[in-house]
Amino acid sequence: VQIADRPGDPLVVLNRSYGGVSFSFTRFTQLFDGLGERLLADTDALVPEGAVLAEVTGGPVTSNLNLHARLTPYE
């Protein structure tokens, strides 16, 4: 992440992102009733104070093989 200190117009640039906490198995969440919702709730307990978990789509690891329910509060 790069942060530009521009008065009145701050800018944050995300240079690269990678699969996170649930990336390796999210495509299988539809096989188990309620798993997506449980993962979303349980992942919230892992977030450090002041941090925000968000799913960033696109980038170097993009595939329609990983379609899944929402697993982070932000996208």
C-alpha atoms as a PDB file:
ATOM      1  CA  VAL A   1       0.000   0.000   0.000  1.00  0.00           C
ATOM      2  CA  GLN A   2       1.184   3.499  -0.822  1.00  0.00           C
ATOM      3  CA  ILE A   3      -0.294   6.544   0.879  1.00  0.00           C
ATOM      4  CA  ALA A   4      -0.121  10.010  -0.683  1.00  0.00           C
ATOM      5  CA  ASP A   5      -0.546  12.895   1.749  1.00  0.00           C
ATOM      6  CA  ARG A   6      -2.569  15.324  -0.348  1.00  0.00           C
ATOM      7  CA  PRO A   7      -4.327  18.026   1.700  1.00  0.00           C
ATOM      8  CA  GLY A   8      -8.077  17.621   1.322  1.00  0.00           C
ATOM      9  CA  ASP A   9      -7.699  14.684  -1.078  1.00  0.00           C
ATOM     10  CA  PRO A  10      -5.806  11.751   0.500  1.00  0.00           C
ATOM     11  CA  LEU A  11      -4.950   8.846  -1.769  1.00  0.00           C
ATOM     12  CA  VAL A  12      -4.258   5.188  -0.990  1.00  0.00           C
ATOM     13  CA  VAL A  13      -2.961   2.887  -3.734  1.00  0.00           C
ATOM     14  CA  LEU A  14      -3.127  -0.903  -3.379  1.00  0.00           C
ATOM     15  CA  ASN A  15      -0.243  -2.241  -5.430  1.00  0.00           C
ATOM     16  CA  ARG A  16      -1.012  -5.951  -5.242  1.00  0.00           C
ATOM     17  CA  SER A  17      -3.372  -8.276  -3.409  1.00  0.00           C
ATOM     18  CA  TYR A  18      -3.412 -12.022  -2.891  1.00  0.00           C
ATOM     19  CA  GLY A  19      -5.927 -14.606  -1.752  1.00  0.00           C
ATOM     20  CA  GLY A  20      -6.536 -14.402   1.951  1.00  0.00           C
ATOM     21  CA  VAL A  21      -7.941 -16.320   4.886  1.00  0.00           C
ATOM     22  CA  SER A  22     -10.546 -18.380   3.010  1.00  0.00           C
ATOM     23  CA  PHE A  23      -9.301 -18.262  -0.586  1.00  0.00           C
ATOM     24  CA  SER A  24      -8.171 -21.885  -0.802  1.00  0.00           C
ATOM     25  CA  PHE A  25     -11.586 -23.390  -0.050  1.00  0.00           C
ATOM     26  CA  THR A  26     -14.243 -20.729  -0.716  1.00  0.00           C
ATOM     27  CA  ARG A  27     -15.368 -22.364  -3.951  1.00  0.00           C
ATOM     28  CA  PHE A  28     -16.689 -25.282  -1.892  1.00  0.00           C
ATOM     29  CA  THR A  29     -18.792 -23.269   0.567  1.00  0.00           C
ATOM     30  CA  GLN A  30     -22.023 -23.958  -1.339  1.00  0.00           C
ATOM     31  CA  LEU A  31     -21.662 -27.659  -0.505  1.00  0.00           C
ATOM     32  CA  PHE A  32     -22.402 -27.035   3.180  1.00  0.00           C
ATOM     33  CA  ASP A  33     -25.555 -25.260   4.345  1.00  0.00           C
ATOM     34  CA  GLY A  34     -24.779 -21.992   6.109  1.00  0.00           C
ATOM     35  CA  LEU A  35     -20.991 -22.319   5.807  1.00  0.00           C
ATOM     36  CA  GLY A  36     -20.572 -18.962   4.055  1.00  0.00           C
ATOM     37  CA  GLU A  37     -22.476 -17.184   6.807  1.00  0.00           C
ATOM     38  CA  ARG A  38     -20.493 -18.974   9.541  1.00  0.00           C
ATOM     39  CA  LEU A  39     -17.183 -18.108   7.885  1.00  0.00           C
ATOM     40  CA  LEU A  40     -18.223 -14.463   7.620  1.00  0.00           C
ATOM     41  CA  ALA A  41     -19.109 -14.381  11.329  1.00  0.00           C
ATOM     42  CA  ASP A  42     -16.037 -16.333  12.473  1.00  0.00           C
ATOM     43  CA  THR A  43     -13.611 -14.307  10.368  1.00  0.00           C
ATOM     44  CA  ASP A  44     -14.820 -11.166  12.106  1.00  0.00           C
ATOM     45  CA  ALA A  45     -13.239 -12.510  15.312  1.00  0.00           C
ATOM     46  CA  LEU A  46      -9.812 -12.633  13.592  1.00  0.00           C
ATOM     47  CA  VAL A  47      -9.734  -8.984  12.534  1.00  0.00           C
ATOM     48  CA  PRO A  48      -7.290  -6.861  14.550  1.00  0.00           C
ATOM     49  CA  GLU A  49      -8.726  -3.693  16.079  1.00  0.00           C
ATOM     50  CA  GLY A  50      -8.868  -0.908  13.497  1.00  0.00           C
ATOM     51  CA  ALA A  51      -8.382  -3.278  10.539  1.00  0.00           C
ATOM     52  CA  VAL A  52     -10.890  -3.872   7.751  1.00  0.00           C
ATOM     53  CA  LEU A  53     -11.238  -7.133   5.844  1.00  0.00           C
ATOM     54  CA  ALA A  54     -12.415  -6.701   2.285  1.00  0.00           C
ATOM     55  CA  GLU A  55     -12.526  -8.978  -0.717  1.00  0.00           C
ATOM     56  CA  VAL A  56     -10.711  -7.396  -3.630  1.00  0.00           C
ATOM     57  CA  THR A  57     -11.775  -9.018  -6.881  1.00  0.00           C
ATOM     58  CA  GLY A  58      -9.483  -9.093  -9.869  1.00  0.00           C
ATOM     59  CA  GLY A  59      -5.710  -9.143  -9.799  1.00  0.00           C
ATOM     60  CA  PRO A  60      -3.306 -12.010 -10.460  1.00  0.00           C
ATOM     61  CA  VAL A  61      -5.480 -14.733  -8.887  1.00  0.00           C
ATOM     62  CA  THR A  62      -8.819 -14.242 -10.646  1.00  0.00           C
ATOM     63  CA  SER A  63     -11.034 -17.118 -11.722  1.00  0.00           C
ATOM     64  CA  ASN A  64     -14.731 -17.836 -11.996  1.00  0.00           C
ATOM     65  CA  LEU A  65     -13.910 -21.165 -10.328  1.00  0.00           C
ATOM     66  CA  ASN A  66     -13.972 -19.339  -7.023  1.00  0.00           C
ATOM     67  CA  LEU A  67     -17.549 -18.040  -7.078  1.00  0.00           C
ATOM     68  CA  HIS A  68     -18.834 -17.952  -3.509  1.00  0.00           C
ATOM     69  CA  ALA A  69     -21.061 -16.240  -0.988  1.00  0.00           C
ATOM     70  CA  ARG A  70     -19.875 -13.036   0.672  1.00  0.00           C
ATOM     71  CA  LEU A  71     -17.168 -13.877   3.216  1.00  0.00           C
ATOM     72  CA  THR A  72     -16.093 -10.365   4.195  1.00  0.00           C
ATOM     73  CA  PRO A  73     -18.189  -7.367   5.202  1.00  0.00           C
ATOM     74  CA  TYR A  74     -16.726  -5.288   2.356  1.00  0.00           C
ATOM     75  CA  GLU A  75     -16.045  -5.971  -1.297  1.00  0.00           C
END
